[in-house]
Amino acid sequence: MEKVIGVRFRTAGKVYFFDPGNFEIKKNDHVIVETARGIEYGTVVSPPAEVEDEKVVQPLKAVLRIANQKDDEQEAANKQKEKEAFKICLEKIREHGLQMKLIDAEYTFDNNKVLFYFTADGRIDFRELVKDLASVFKTRIELRQIGVRDETKILGGIGICGRPLCCHTHLSEFAPVSIKMAKEQNLSLNPTKISGVCGRLMCCLKNEEETYEELNRKLPGVGDFVTTDDGLKGEVQSVNVLRQMVKVIVDVGDEKEIQEYPADQLHFKKRHGKKNKAENEDAELKELENLEKQDGEGEKEQHSERKKEHSERSEGKNRGRFEGKGRQRNRSERKREN
């Protein structure tokens, strides 16, 4: 078991483990730690606790110090410098005529590096831009291409539920989401209704998936034939998953009636196939499958980026060269280091 604290470097960002050493650290304290990106200023999100060895990425870095007033002022100054850096980078992008959308600018705490996050439809040759920015800021420059999900996570916004986006407020990582989850929860299969601000399937589909799977196991499907406890046979017209109630079309004498029964009062055997699917549902499913496919491709690229960033911060090894799509250092930097 290792004694560690959890430190986060940005809102809803990934939590990294550090050795608290002999410091008395509490939740919400600010600490100064060393990562591969340099000296960084982070917020403690979990107090000192014992964690299993396999959950800790070695070597475990120690906390340098608890942030003092001077460190807090330095962090505030960096935030102001980031705003200026963002404006300057926007101007330089326009001057170079590059088809890229700048999302955010970030200074490391020790001002050793400036990172610019951007999105673009394809690969961008930004070598001249990097040289131009390096001449302005007189420090190391890194441009990092991110996906639409990470863009939305950084910028934030309001979801269709009327609340701030989950990814911007509390989700530290993106969970895989599939069409099956929407079908399981009886949601509309219209892509515009189950897609988030980023254009991908909504992350919140994952939140109640396990509950719906468990509840759906106890229910017949729409169109299934069931037998009630009072001996009536009929076809399921609709189901209410949360209330565990089923509406059944039953024959009463010479007439058909719709009656509602609790799921535990029905005996049924699910059919293996659904024969009468509507044509519009097939079209919606195809569109959703394309959306899910795009989502998967985007996730692969973003997962690769996040994995590299995680190894940078936790392993303490700075690769310092082109890393993945959209990350590059200019040649002059490499010459200076050599």
C-alpha atoms as a PDB file:
ATOM      1  CA  MET A   1       0.000   0.000   0.000  1.00  0.00           C
ATOM      2  CA  GLU A   2       1.168   3.513  -0.868  1.00  0.00           C
ATOM      3  CA  LYS A   3       0.213   6.713   0.908  1.00  0.00           C
ATOM      4  CA  VAL A   4      -0.795   9.217  -1.764  1.00  0.00           C
ATOM      5  CA  ILE A   5      -2.804  12.359  -2.430  1.00  0.00           C
ATOM      6  CA  GLY A   6      -4.869  13.030  -5.572  1.00  0.00           C
ATOM      7  CA  VAL A   7      -3.988  16.215  -7.447  1.00  0.00           C
ATOM      8  CA  ARG A   8      -5.886  17.802 -10.323  1.00  0.00           C
ATOM      9  CA  PHE A   9      -4.386  20.450 -12.620  1.00  0.00           C
ATOM     10  CA  ARG A  10      -7.520  21.718 -14.346  1.00  0.00           C
ATOM     11  CA  THR A  11     -11.270  21.680 -13.768  1.00  0.00           C
ATOM     12  CA  ALA A  12     -12.653  18.142 -14.185  1.00  0.00           C
ATOM     13  CA  GLY A  13      -9.201  16.995 -15.290  1.00  0.00           C
ATOM     14  CA  LYS A  14      -7.581  13.651 -14.608  1.00  0.00           C
ATOM     15  CA  VAL A  15      -6.462  12.999 -11.032  1.00  0.00           C
ATOM     16  CA  TYR A  16      -2.760  12.211 -10.546  1.00  0.00           C
ATOM     17  CA  PHE A  17      -1.190  10.603  -7.481  1.00  0.00           C
ATOM     18  CA  PHE A  18       1.705  12.182  -5.568  1.00  0.00           C
ATOM     19  CA  ASP A  19       3.567  11.342  -2.380  1.00  0.00           C
ATOM     20  CA  PRO A  20       2.508  13.817   0.357  1.00  0.00           C
ATOM     21  CA  GLY A  21       5.792  13.328   2.220  1.00  0.00           C
ATOM     22  CA  ASN A  22       5.793  14.932   5.677  1.00  0.00           C
ATOM     23  CA  PHE A  23       3.390  17.723   4.723  1.00  0.00           C
ATOM     24  CA  GLU A  24      -0.005  17.995   6.419  1.00  0.00           C
ATOM     25  CA  ILE A  25      -2.153  18.304   3.328  1.00  0.00           C
ATOM     26  CA  LYS A  26      -5.915  18.690   3.298  1.00  0.00           C
ATOM     27  CA  LYS A  27      -8.504  18.533   0.538  1.00  0.00           C
ATOM     28  CA  ASN A  28      -8.717  21.725  -1.588  1.00  0.00           C
ATOM     29  CA  ASP A  29      -5.173  22.765  -0.628  1.00  0.00           C
ATOM     30  CA  HIS A  30      -2.952  23.953  -3.468  1.00  0.00           C
ATOM     31  CA  VAL A  31       0.395  22.203  -3.903  1.00  0.00           C
ATOM     32  CA  ILE A  32       3.499  22.583  -6.038  1.00  0.00           C
ATOM     33  CA  VAL A  33       4.627  19.361  -7.711  1.00  0.00           C
ATOM     34  CA  GLU A  34       7.126  18.344 -10.354  1.00  0.00           C
ATOM     35  CA  THR A  35       5.981  16.604 -13.524  1.00  0.00           C
ATOM     36  CA  ALA A  36       7.598  15.975 -16.880  1.00  0.00           C
ATOM     37  CA  ARG A  37       6.119  19.274 -18.067  1.00  0.00           C
ATOM     38  CA  GLY A  38       7.996  21.105 -15.323  1.00  0.00           C
ATOM     39  CA  ILE A  39       6.936  22.577 -11.997  1.00  0.00           C
ATOM     40  CA  GLU A  40       3.134  22.688 -11.785  1.00  0.00           C
ATOM     41  CA  TYR A  41       0.470  24.129  -9.508  1.00  0.00           C
ATOM     42  CA  GLY A  42      -2.343  21.741  -8.648  1.00  0.00           C
ATOM     43  CA  THR A  43      -5.371  21.375  -6.384  1.00  0.00           C
ATOM     44  CA  VAL A  44      -5.693  18.496  -3.919  1.00  0.00           C
ATOM     45  CA  VAL A  45      -8.947  16.654  -4.606  1.00  0.00           C
ATOM     46  CA  SER A  46      -8.361  13.681  -2.316  1.00  0.00           C
ATOM     47  CA  PRO A  47      -6.554  13.886   1.068  1.00  0.00           C
ATOM     48  CA  PRO A  48      -3.730  11.490   2.044  1.00  0.00           C
ATOM     49  CA  ALA A  49      -4.932   7.894   1.841  1.00  0.00           C
ATOM     50  CA  GLU A  50      -3.579   4.377   1.419  1.00  0.00           C
ATOM     51  CA  VAL A  51      -3.884   3.092  -2.162  1.00  0.00           C
ATOM     52  CA  GLU A  52      -3.056  -0.331  -3.614  1.00  0.00           C
ATOM     53  CA  ASP A  53       0.348  -0.504  -5.286  1.00  0.00           C
ATOM     54  CA  GLU A  54      -1.036  -1.544  -8.695  1.00  0.00           C
ATOM     55  CA  LYS A  55      -3.102   1.666  -8.903  1.00  0.00           C
ATOM     56  CA  VAL A  56      -0.015   3.869  -8.571  1.00  0.00           C
ATOM     57  CA  VAL A  57       2.173   4.679 -11.582  1.00  0.00           C
ATOM     58  CA  GLN A  58       5.815   4.441 -10.583  1.00  0.00           C
ATOM     59  CA  PRO A  59       8.012   6.321  -9.870  1.00  0.00           C
ATOM     60  CA  LEU A  60       5.775   8.234  -7.470  1.00  0.00           C
ATOM     61  CA  LYS A  61       6.777  11.898  -7.355  1.00  0.00           C
ATOM     62  CA  ALA A  62       6.795  13.755  -4.025  1.00  0.00           C
ATOM     63  CA  VAL A  63       5.050  17.064  -3.338  1.00  0.00           C
ATOM     64  CA  LEU A  64       7.608  19.882  -3.382  1.00  0.00           C
ATOM     65  CA  ARG A  65       5.644  22.191  -1.072  1.00  0.00           C
ATOM     66  CA  ILE A  66       2.232  23.461  -0.139  1.00  0.00           C
ATOM     67  CA  ALA A  67       1.520  26.566  -2.228  1.00  0.00           C
ATOM     68  CA  ASN A  68       2.142  29.851  -0.421  1.00  0.00           C
ATOM     69  CA  GLN A  69       0.864  33.344  -1.185  1.00  0.00           C
ATOM     70  CA  LYS A  70       3.651  33.978  -3.682  1.00  0.00           C
ATOM     71  CA  ASP A  71       2.729  30.797  -5.562  1.00  0.00           C
ATOM     72  CA  ASP A  72      -0.940  31.814  -5.634  1.00  0.00           C
ATOM     73  CA  GLU A  73       0.011  35.196  -7.088  1.00  0.00           C
ATOM     74  CA  GLN A  74       2.228  33.505  -9.668  1.00  0.00           C
ATOM     75  CA  GLU A  75      -0.658  31.241 -10.730  1.00  0.00           C
ATOM     76  CA  ALA A  76      -3.009  34.241 -11.031  1.00  0.00           C
ATOM     77  CA  ALA A  77      -0.398  36.058 -13.151  1.00  0.00           C
ATOM     78  CA  ASN A  78      -0.089  32.985 -15.387  1.00  0.00           C
ATOM     79  CA  LYS A  79      -3.857  32.998 -15.964  1.00  0.00           C
ATOM     80  CA  GLN A  80      -3.619  36.583 -17.203  1.00  0.00           C
ATOM     81  CA  LYS A  81      -0.661  35.718 -19.425  1.00  0.00           C
ATOM     82  CA  GLU A  82      -2.652  32.834 -20.908  1.00  0.00           C
ATOM     83  CA  LYS A  83      -5.342  35.263 -22.068  1.00  0.00           C
ATOM     84  CA  GLU A  84      -2.728  37.424 -23.793  1.00  0.00           C
ATOM     85  CA  ALA A  85      -1.048  34.370 -25.306  1.00  0.00           C
ATOM     86  CA  PHE A  86      -4.404  33.213 -26.681  1.00  0.00           C
ATOM     87  CA  LYS A  87      -4.963  36.560 -28.443  1.00  0.00           C
ATOM     88  CA  ILE A  88      -1.463  36.605 -29.899  1.00  0.00           C
ATOM     89  CA  CYS A  89      -1.755  33.033 -31.165  1.00  0.00           C
ATOM     90  CA  LEU A  90      -5.099  33.833 -32.827  1.00  0.00           C
ATOM     91  CA  GLU A  91      -3.487  36.723 -34.708  1.00  0.00           C
ATOM     92  CA  LYS A  92      -0.565  34.557 -35.811  1.00  0.00           C
ATOM     93  CA  ILE A  93      -2.923  31.825 -37.056  1.00  0.00           C
ATOM     94  CA  ARG A  94      -4.736  34.408 -39.182  1.00  0.00           C
ATOM     95  CA  GLU A  95      -1.441  35.754 -40.523  1.00  0.00           C
ATOM     96  CA  HIS A  96      -0.320  32.272 -41.563  1.00  0.00           C
ATOM     97  CA  GLY A  97      -3.776  31.444 -42.997  1.00  0.00           C
ATOM     98  CA  LEU A  98      -4.031  28.099 -41.192  1.00  0.00           C
ATOM     99  CA  GLN A  99      -7.362  26.230 -41.084  1.00  0.00           C
ATOM    100  CA  MET A 100      -7.349  25.540 -37.372  1.00  0.00           C
ATOM    101  CA  LYS A 101      -9.538  26.590 -34.436  1.00  0.00           C
ATOM    102  CA  LEU A 102      -7.661  27.680 -31.325  1.00  0.00           C
ATOM    103  CA  ILE A 103      -9.333  26.370 -28.163  1.00  0.00           C
ATOM    104  CA  ASP A 104      -7.127  27.245 -25.210  1.00  0.00           C
ATOM    105  CA  ALA A 105      -3.692  28.431 -24.123  1.00  0.00           C
ATOM    106  CA  GLU A 106      -1.895  27.143 -21.037  1.00  0.00           C
ATOM    107  CA  TYR A 107       1.315  28.152 -19.277  1.00  0.00           C
ATOM    108  CA  THR A 108       3.191  25.726 -17.069  1.00  0.00           C
ATOM    109  CA  PHE A 109       3.668  27.133 -13.557  1.00  0.00           C
ATOM    110  CA  ASP A 110       7.379  27.839 -14.074  1.00  0.00           C
ATOM    111  CA  ASN A 111       6.699  29.447 -17.501  1.00  0.00           C
ATOM    112  CA  ASN A 112       8.965  26.814 -19.053  1.00  0.00           C
ATOM    113  CA  LYS A 113       6.424  26.008 -21.777  1.00  0.00           C
ATOM    114  CA  VAL A 114       3.299  27.431 -23.414  1.00  0.00           C
ATOM    115  CA  LEU A 115       0.752  24.915 -24.715  1.00  0.00           C
ATOM    116  CA  PHE A 116      -1.867  25.789 -27.316  1.00  0.00           C
ATOM    117  CA  TYR A 117      -4.829  23.447 -27.852  1.00  0.00           C
ATOM    118  CA  PHE A 118      -6.591  23.486 -31.211  1.00  0.00           C
ATOM    119  CA  THR A 119      -8.966  21.522 -33.418  1.00  0.00           C
ATOM    120  CA  ALA A 120      -8.746  20.995 -37.171  1.00  0.00           C
ATOM    121  CA  ASP A 121     -10.308  18.743 -39.793  1.00  0.00           C
ATOM    122  CA  GLY A 122      -7.011  17.170 -40.767  1.00  0.00           C
ATOM    123  CA  ARG A 123      -3.286  17.372 -40.207  1.00  0.00           C
ATOM    124  CA  ILE A 124      -1.914  20.926 -40.051  1.00  0.00           C
ATOM    125  CA  ASP A 125       1.611  22.003 -40.994  1.00  0.00           C
ATOM    126  CA  PHE A 126       2.243  24.540 -38.243  1.00  0.00           C
ATOM    127  CA  ARG A 127       6.053  24.567 -38.245  1.00  0.00           C
ATOM    128  CA  GLU A 128       6.278  28.207 -39.315  1.00  0.00           C
ATOM    129  CA  LEU A 129       3.645  29.140 -36.728  1.00  0.00           C
ATOM    130  CA  VAL A 130       5.681  27.452 -33.967  1.00  0.00           C
ATOM    131  CA  LYS A 131       8.796  29.408 -34.993  1.00  0.00           C
ATOM    132  CA  ASP A 132       6.819  32.641 -35.022  1.00  0.00           C
ATOM    133  CA  LEU A 133       5.342  31.985 -31.570  1.00  0.00           C
ATOM    134  CA  ALA A 134       8.737  30.974 -30.141  1.00  0.00           C
ATOM    135  CA  SER A 135      10.196  34.311 -31.287  1.00  0.00           C
ATOM    136  CA  VAL A 136       7.381  36.152 -29.487  1.00  0.00           C
ATOM    137  CA  PHE A 137       7.231  34.238 -26.190  1.00  0.00           C
ATOM    138  CA  LYS A 138      10.937  33.299 -25.912  1.00  0.00           C
ATOM    139  CA  THR A 139      10.070  29.917 -24.408  1.00  0.00           C
ATOM    140  CA  ARG A 140       9.172  26.403 -25.498  1.00  0.00           C
ATOM    141  CA  ILE A 141       6.029  26.150 -27.597  1.00  0.00           C
ATOM    142  CA  GLU A 142       3.767  23.124 -27.954  1.00  0.00           C
ATOM    143  CA  LEU A 143       0.720  22.904 -30.206  1.00  0.00           C
ATOM    144  CA  ARG A 144      -1.610  20.044 -29.391  1.00  0.00           C
ATOM    145  CA  GLN A 145      -4.475  18.926 -31.625  1.00  0.00           C
ATOM    146  CA  ILE A 146      -7.511  17.659 -29.707  1.00  0.00           C
ATOM    147  CA  GLY A 147     -10.853  16.092 -30.633  1.00  0.00           C
ATOM    148  CA  VAL A 148     -14.365  17.528 -30.414  1.00  0.00           C
ATOM    149  CA  ARG A 149     -15.047  15.907 -27.039  1.00  0.00           C
ATOM    150  CA  ASP A 150     -11.959  17.442 -25.462  1.00  0.00           C
ATOM    151  CA  GLU A 151     -12.840  20.780 -27.063  1.00  0.00           C
ATOM    152  CA  THR A 152     -16.266  20.723 -25.407  1.00  0.00           C
ATOM    153  CA  LYS A 153     -14.710  19.634 -22.100  1.00  0.00           C
ATOM    154  CA  ILE A 154     -12.418  22.685 -22.117  1.00  0.00           C
ATOM    155  CA  LEU A 155     -14.947  25.256 -23.334  1.00  0.00           C
ATOM    156  CA  GLY A 156     -17.975  23.985 -21.389  1.00  0.00           C
ATOM    157  CA  GLY A 157     -21.591  24.878 -22.105  1.00  0.00           C
ATOM    158  CA  ILE A 158     -25.176  23.973 -21.255  1.00  0.00           C
ATOM    159  CA  GLY A 159     -26.636  20.570 -22.129  1.00  0.00           C
ATOM    160  CA  ILE A 160     -30.161  19.879 -23.380  1.00  0.00           C
ATOM    161  CA  CYS A 161     -31.095  19.128 -19.755  1.00  0.00           C
ATOM    162  CA  GLY A 162     -30.426  22.766 -18.884  1.00  0.00           C
ATOM    163  CA  ARG A 163     -27.454  21.979 -16.649  1.00  0.00           C
ATOM    164  CA  PRO A 164     -23.712  22.646 -17.195  1.00  0.00           C
ATOM    165  CA  LEU A 165     -22.030  19.899 -19.213  1.00  0.00           C
ATOM    166  CA  CYS A 166     -20.957  16.858 -17.180  1.00  0.00           C
ATOM    167  CA  CYS A 167     -17.564  16.656 -18.914  1.00  0.00           C
ATOM    168  CA  HIS A 168     -16.789  20.261 -17.955  1.00  0.00           C
ATOM    169  CA  THR A 169     -17.942  19.994 -14.331  1.00  0.00           C
ATOM    170  CA  HIS A 170     -17.139  16.540 -12.932  1.00  0.00           C
ATOM    171  CA  LEU A 171     -16.255  13.865 -15.521  1.00  0.00           C
ATOM    172  CA  SER A 172     -12.495  13.317 -15.417  1.00  0.00           C
ATOM    173  CA  GLU A 173     -12.544  10.726 -18.218  1.00  0.00           C
ATOM    174  CA  PHE A 174     -14.863   9.880 -21.102  1.00  0.00           C
ATOM    175  CA  ALA A 175     -16.686   6.561 -20.773  1.00  0.00           C
ATOM    176  CA  PRO A 176     -17.478   4.563 -23.940  1.00  0.00           C
ATOM    177  CA  VAL A 177     -21.074   5.132 -25.081  1.00  0.00           C
ATOM    178  CA  SER A 178     -23.041   3.031 -27.595  1.00  0.00           C
ATOM    179  CA  ILE A 179     -26.392   3.011 -29.405  1.00  0.00           C
ATOM    180  CA  LYS A 180     -27.406  -0.033 -27.355  1.00  0.00           C
ATOM    181  CA  MET A 181     -27.588   2.187 -24.276  1.00  0.00           C
ATOM    182  CA  ALA A 182     -30.108   4.512 -25.938  1.00  0.00           C
ATOM    183  CA  LYS A 183     -32.254   1.558 -27.052  1.00  0.00           C
ATOM    184  CA  GLU A 184     -32.051  -0.025 -23.596  1.00  0.00           C
ATOM    185  CA  GLN A 185     -33.439   3.172 -22.049  1.00  0.00           C
ATOM    186  CA  ASN A 186     -36.264   3.492 -24.616  1.00  0.00           C
ATOM    187  CA  LEU A 187     -34.953   6.841 -25.835  1.00  0.00           C
ATOM    188  CA  SER A 188     -35.695   8.351 -29.211  1.00  0.00           C
ATOM    189  CA  LEU A 189     -33.218   7.072 -31.775  1.00  0.00           C
ATOM    190  CA  ASN A 190     -33.121  10.475 -33.447  1.00  0.00           C
ATOM    191  CA  PRO A 191     -29.399  11.431 -33.492  1.00  0.00           C
ATOM    192  CA  THR A 192     -30.169  15.084 -32.787  1.00  0.00           C
ATOM    193  CA  LYS A 193     -31.885  14.128 -29.522  1.00  0.00           C
ATOM    194  CA  ILE A 194     -29.256  11.798 -28.093  1.00  0.00           C
ATOM    195  CA  SER A 195     -26.165  13.691 -29.229  1.00  0.00           C
ATOM    196  CA  GLY A 196     -24.395  16.155 -26.971  1.00  0.00           C
ATOM    197  CA  VAL A 197     -22.996  19.605 -27.685  1.00  0.00           C
ATOM    198  CA  CYS A 198     -19.889  17.948 -29.155  1.00  0.00           C
ATOM    199  CA  GLY A 199     -21.964  16.065 -31.746  1.00  0.00           C
ATOM    200  CA  ARG A 200     -21.146  12.676 -30.207  1.00  0.00           C
ATOM    201  CA  LEU A 201     -23.485  10.396 -28.253  1.00  0.00           C
ATOM    202  CA  MET A 202     -24.242  11.932 -24.864  1.00  0.00           C
ATOM    203  CA  CYS A 203     -21.999  10.760 -22.014  1.00  0.00           C
ATOM    204  CA  CYS A 204     -24.978  10.642 -19.625  1.00  0.00           C
ATOM    205  CA  LEU A 205     -26.357   7.609 -21.507  1.00  0.00           C
ATOM    206  CA  LYS A 206     -23.821   5.651 -19.475  1.00  0.00           C
ATOM    207  CA  ASN A 207     -25.049   6.922 -16.094  1.00  0.00           C
ATOM    208  CA  GLU A 208     -28.153   4.735 -15.738  1.00  0.00           C
ATOM    209  CA  GLU A 209     -27.224   1.952 -18.140  1.00  0.00           C
ATOM    210  CA  GLU A 210     -26.700  -0.715 -15.465  1.00  0.00           C
ATOM    211  CA  THR A 211     -30.013   0.118 -13.770  1.00  0.00           C
ATOM    212  CA  TYR A 212     -31.943  -0.085 -17.031  1.00  0.00           C
ATOM    213  CA  GLU A 213     -30.264  -3.369 -17.989  1.00  0.00           C
ATOM    214  CA  GLU A 214     -31.308  -4.890 -14.673  1.00  0.00           C
ATOM    215  CA  LEU A 215     -34.895  -3.590 -14.930  1.00  0.00           C
ATOM    216  CA  ASN A 216     -35.302  -4.621 -18.569  1.00  0.00           C
ATOM    217  CA  ARG A 217     -34.408  -8.224 -17.722  1.00  0.00           C
ATOM    218  CA  LYS A 218     -37.676  -8.423 -15.768  1.00  0.00           C
ATOM    219  CA  LEU A 219     -39.828  -7.039 -18.599  1.00  0.00           C
ATOM    220  CA  PRO A 220     -41.167  -8.464 -21.879  1.00  0.00           C
ATOM    221  CA  GLY A 221     -40.457  -6.596 -25.097  1.00  0.00           C
ATOM    222  CA  VAL A 222     -43.066  -4.622 -27.037  1.00  0.00           C
ATOM    223  CA  GLY A 223     -44.854  -7.098 -29.333  1.00  0.00           C
ATOM    224  CA  ASP A 224     -44.150 -10.108 -27.128  1.00  0.00           C
ATOM    225  CA  PHE A 225     -47.060 -12.417 -26.218  1.00  0.00           C
ATOM    226  CA  VAL A 226     -47.706 -12.849 -22.513  1.00  0.00           C
ATOM    227  CA  THR A 227     -50.064 -14.708 -20.181  1.00  0.00           C
ATOM    228  CA  THR A 228     -51.434 -12.967 -17.109  1.00  0.00           C
ATOM    229  CA  ASP A 229     -51.995 -14.496 -13.677  1.00  0.00           C
ATOM    230  CA  ASP A 230     -55.761 -14.472 -14.307  1.00  0.00           C
ATOM    231  CA  GLY A 231     -55.355 -16.612 -17.446  1.00  0.00           C
ATOM    232  CA  LEU A 232     -55.687 -13.926 -20.133  1.00  0.00           C
ATOM    233  CA  LYS A 233     -53.384 -13.949 -23.127  1.00  0.00           C
ATOM    234  CA  GLY A 234     -52.350 -10.886 -25.039  1.00  0.00           C
ATOM    235  CA  GLU A 235     -49.711  -8.840 -26.818  1.00  0.00           C
ATOM    236  CA  VAL A 236     -47.553  -6.242 -25.114  1.00  0.00           C
ATOM    237  CA  GLN A 237     -48.384  -2.734 -26.301  1.00  0.00           C
ATOM    238  CA  SER A 238     -45.946  -0.739 -24.163  1.00  0.00           C
ATOM    239  CA  VAL A 239     -43.762  -1.019 -21.073  1.00  0.00           C
ATOM    240  CA  ASN A 240     -42.869   1.428 -18.318  1.00  0.00           C
ATOM    241  CA  VAL A 241     -39.365   0.446 -17.239  1.00  0.00           C
ATOM    242  CA  LEU A 242     -39.132   2.512 -14.059  1.00  0.00           C
ATOM    243  CA  ARG A 243     -42.608   1.630 -12.757  1.00  0.00           C
ATOM    244  CA  GLN A 244     -42.234  -1.999 -13.943  1.00  0.00           C
ATOM    245  CA  MET A 245     -45.717  -1.845 -15.466  1.00  0.00           C
ATOM    246  CA  VAL A 246     -46.795  -3.407 -18.772  1.00  0.00           C
ATOM    247  CA  LYS A 247     -49.767  -2.497 -20.969  1.00  0.00           C
ATOM    248  CA  VAL A 248     -51.197  -5.601 -22.654  1.00  0.00           C
ATOM    249  CA  ILE A 249     -53.829  -5.934 -25.405  1.00  0.00           C
ATOM    250  CA  VAL A 250     -56.038  -8.803 -24.172  1.00  0.00           C
ATOM    251  CA  ASP A 251     -59.151 -10.482 -25.554  1.00  0.00           C
ATOM    252  CA  VAL A 252     -62.123 -10.012 -23.233  1.00  0.00           C
ATOM    253  CA  GLY A 253     -65.088 -11.767 -24.772  1.00  0.00           C
ATOM    254  CA  ASP A 254     -65.373 -10.571 -28.361  1.00  0.00           C
ATOM    255  CA  GLU A 255     -63.499  -7.333 -27.732  1.00  0.00           C
ATOM    256  CA  LYS A 256     -59.886  -6.318 -27.274  1.00  0.00           C
ATOM    257  CA  GLU A 257     -58.941  -4.242 -24.255  1.00  0.00           C
ATOM    258  CA  ILE A 258     -55.748  -2.593 -23.063  1.00  0.00           C
ATOM    259  CA  GLN A 259     -55.026  -3.491 -19.464  1.00  0.00           C
ATOM    260  CA  GLU A 260     -52.035  -2.620 -17.301  1.00  0.00           C
ATOM    261  CA  TYR A 261     -50.245  -5.255 -15.203  1.00  0.00           C
ATOM    262  CA  PRO A 262     -47.199  -5.295 -12.915  1.00  0.00           C
ATOM    263  CA  ALA A 263     -44.355  -7.205 -14.545  1.00  0.00           C
ATOM    264  CA  ASP A 264     -44.357  -9.883 -11.842  1.00  0.00           C
ATOM    265  CA  GLN A 265     -47.933 -10.857 -12.754  1.00  0.00           C
ATOM    266  CA  LEU A 266     -47.006 -11.787 -16.323  1.00  0.00           C
ATOM    267  CA  HIS A 267     -45.591 -14.993 -17.786  1.00  0.00           C
ATOM    268  CA  PHE A 268     -43.785 -14.575 -21.066  1.00  0.00           C
ATOM    269  CA  LYS A 269     -41.165 -15.856 -23.407  1.00  0.00           C
ATOM    270  CA  LYS A 270     -39.319 -13.271 -25.425  1.00  0.00           C
ATOM    271  CA  ARG A 271     -39.312 -13.572 -29.175  1.00  0.00           C
ATOM    272  CA  HIS A 272     -35.937 -13.995 -30.858  1.00  0.00           C
ATOM    273  CA  GLY A 273     -36.569 -11.446 -33.557  1.00  0.00           C
ATOM    274  CA  LYS A 274     -38.533  -8.284 -34.059  1.00  0.00           C
ATOM    275  CA  LYS A 275     -40.282  -8.610 -37.394  1.00  0.00           C
ATOM    276  CA  ASN A 276     -42.172  -5.379 -37.870  1.00  0.00           C
ATOM    277  CA  LYS A 277     -39.553  -2.669 -37.489  1.00  0.00           C
ATOM    278  CA  ALA A 278     -40.496   0.697 -38.896  1.00  0.00           C
ATOM    279  CA  GLU A 279     -38.527   1.921 -41.906  1.00  0.00           C
ATOM    280  CA  ASN A 280     -37.741   5.228 -40.229  1.00  0.00           C
ATOM    281  CA  GLU A 281     -36.213   3.355 -37.257  1.00  0.00           C
ATOM    282  CA  ASP A 282     -33.901   1.469 -39.642  1.00  0.00           C
ATOM    283  CA  ALA A 283     -32.796   4.754 -41.184  1.00  0.00           C
ATOM    284  CA  GLU A 284     -32.217   6.272 -37.753  1.00  0.00           C
ATOM    285  CA  LEU A 285     -30.207   3.241 -36.657  1.00  0.00           C
ATOM    286  CA  LYS A 286     -27.953   3.513 -39.710  1.00  0.00           C
ATOM    287  CA  GLU A 287     -27.374   7.184 -38.986  1.00  0.00           C
ATOM    288  CA  LEU A 288     -26.648   6.370 -35.365  1.00  0.00           C
ATOM    289  CA  GLU A 289     -24.210   3.627 -36.323  1.00  0.00           C
ATOM    290  CA  ASN A 290     -22.312   6.123 -38.450  1.00  0.00           C
ATOM    291  CA  LEU A 291     -22.318   8.520 -35.502  1.00  0.00           C
ATOM    292  CA  GLU A 292     -21.058   5.783 -33.183  1.00  0.00           C
ATOM    293  CA  LYS A 293     -18.362   4.844 -35.694  1.00  0.00           C
ATOM    294  CA  GLN A 294     -17.141   8.451 -35.813  1.00  0.00           C
ATOM    295  CA  ASP A 295     -17.269   8.497 -32.041  1.00  0.00           C
ATOM    296  CA  GLY A 296     -15.093   5.402 -31.857  1.00  0.00           C
ATOM    297  CA  GLU A 297     -12.508   6.774 -34.291  1.00  0.00           C
ATOM    298  CA  GLY A 298     -12.359  10.044 -32.415  1.00  0.00           C
ATOM    299  CA  GLU A 299     -12.019   8.186 -29.130  1.00  0.00           C
ATOM    300  CA  LYS A 300      -8.988   6.249 -30.418  1.00  0.00           C
ATOM    301  CA  GLU A 301      -7.169   9.462 -31.322  1.00  0.00           C
ATOM    302  CA  GLN A 302      -8.168  11.211 -28.094  1.00  0.00           C
ATOM    303  CA  HIS A 303      -7.305   8.156 -25.967  1.00  0.00           C
ATOM    304  CA  SER A 304      -3.840   8.127 -27.522  1.00  0.00           C
ATOM    305  CA  GLU A 305      -3.407  11.824 -26.723  1.00  0.00           C
ATOM    306  CA  ARG A 306      -4.658  11.442 -23.134  1.00  0.00           C
ATOM    307  CA  LYS A 307      -2.462   8.373 -22.571  1.00  0.00           C
ATOM    308  CA  LYS A 308       0.616  10.325 -23.639  1.00  0.00           C
ATOM    309  CA  GLU A 309      -0.288  13.303 -21.469  1.00  0.00           C
ATOM    310  CA  HIS A 310      -0.874  10.974 -18.502  1.00  0.00           C
ATOM    311  CA  SER A 311       2.532   9.315 -18.975  1.00  0.00           C
ATOM    312  CA  GLU A 312       4.136  12.758 -19.217  1.00  0.00           C
ATOM    313  CA  ARG A 313       2.778  13.852 -15.857  1.00  0.00           C
ATOM    314  CA  SER A 314       3.071  10.571 -13.955  1.00  0.00           C
ATOM    315  CA  GLU A 315       6.274   8.987 -15.282  1.00  0.00           C
ATOM    316  CA  GLY A 316       8.381  12.124 -15.289  1.00  0.00           C
ATOM    317  CA  LYS A 317       9.844  11.533 -18.751  1.00  0.00           C
ATOM    318  CA  ASN A 318       9.710  14.420 -21.216  1.00  0.00           C
ATOM    319  CA  ARG A 319       9.868  13.178 -24.775  1.00  0.00           C
ATOM    320  CA  GLY A 320      10.213  16.680 -26.197  1.00  0.00           C
ATOM    321  CA  ARG A 321       9.443  15.924 -29.835  1.00  0.00           C
ATOM    322  CA  PHE A 322       6.462  15.470 -32.133  1.00  0.00           C
ATOM    323  CA  GLU A 323       4.053  13.345 -30.083  1.00  0.00           C
ATOM    324  CA  GLY A 324       0.956  12.119 -31.831  1.00  0.00           C
ATOM    325  CA  LYS A 325      -1.272  14.179 -34.029  1.00  0.00           C
ATOM    326  CA  GLY A 326      -0.714  17.890 -33.743  1.00  0.00           C
ATOM    327  CA  ARG A 327       2.175  18.050 -31.223  1.00  0.00           C
ATOM    328  CA  GLN A 328       5.518  19.358 -32.361  1.00  0.00           C
ATOM    329  CA  ARG A 329       8.517  21.319 -31.173  1.00  0.00           C
ATOM    330  CA  ASN A 330      10.453  23.519 -33.517  1.00  0.00           C
ATOM    331  CA  ARG A 331      13.932  22.599 -34.689  1.00  0.00           C
ATOM    332  CA  SER A 332      15.607  25.557 -33.011  1.00  0.00           C
ATOM    333  CA  GLU A 333      14.550  24.187 -29.590  1.00  0.00           C
ATOM    334  CA  ARG A 334      16.154  20.830 -30.280  1.00  0.00           C
ATOM    335  CA  LYS A 335      19.388  22.488 -31.383  1.00  0.00           C
ATOM    336  CA  ARG A 336      19.518  24.587 -28.214  1.00  0.00           C
ATOM    337  CA  GLU A 337      19.020  21.504 -26.035  1.00  0.00           C
ATOM    338  CA  ASN A 338      21.653  19.500 -27.908  1.00  0.00           C
END
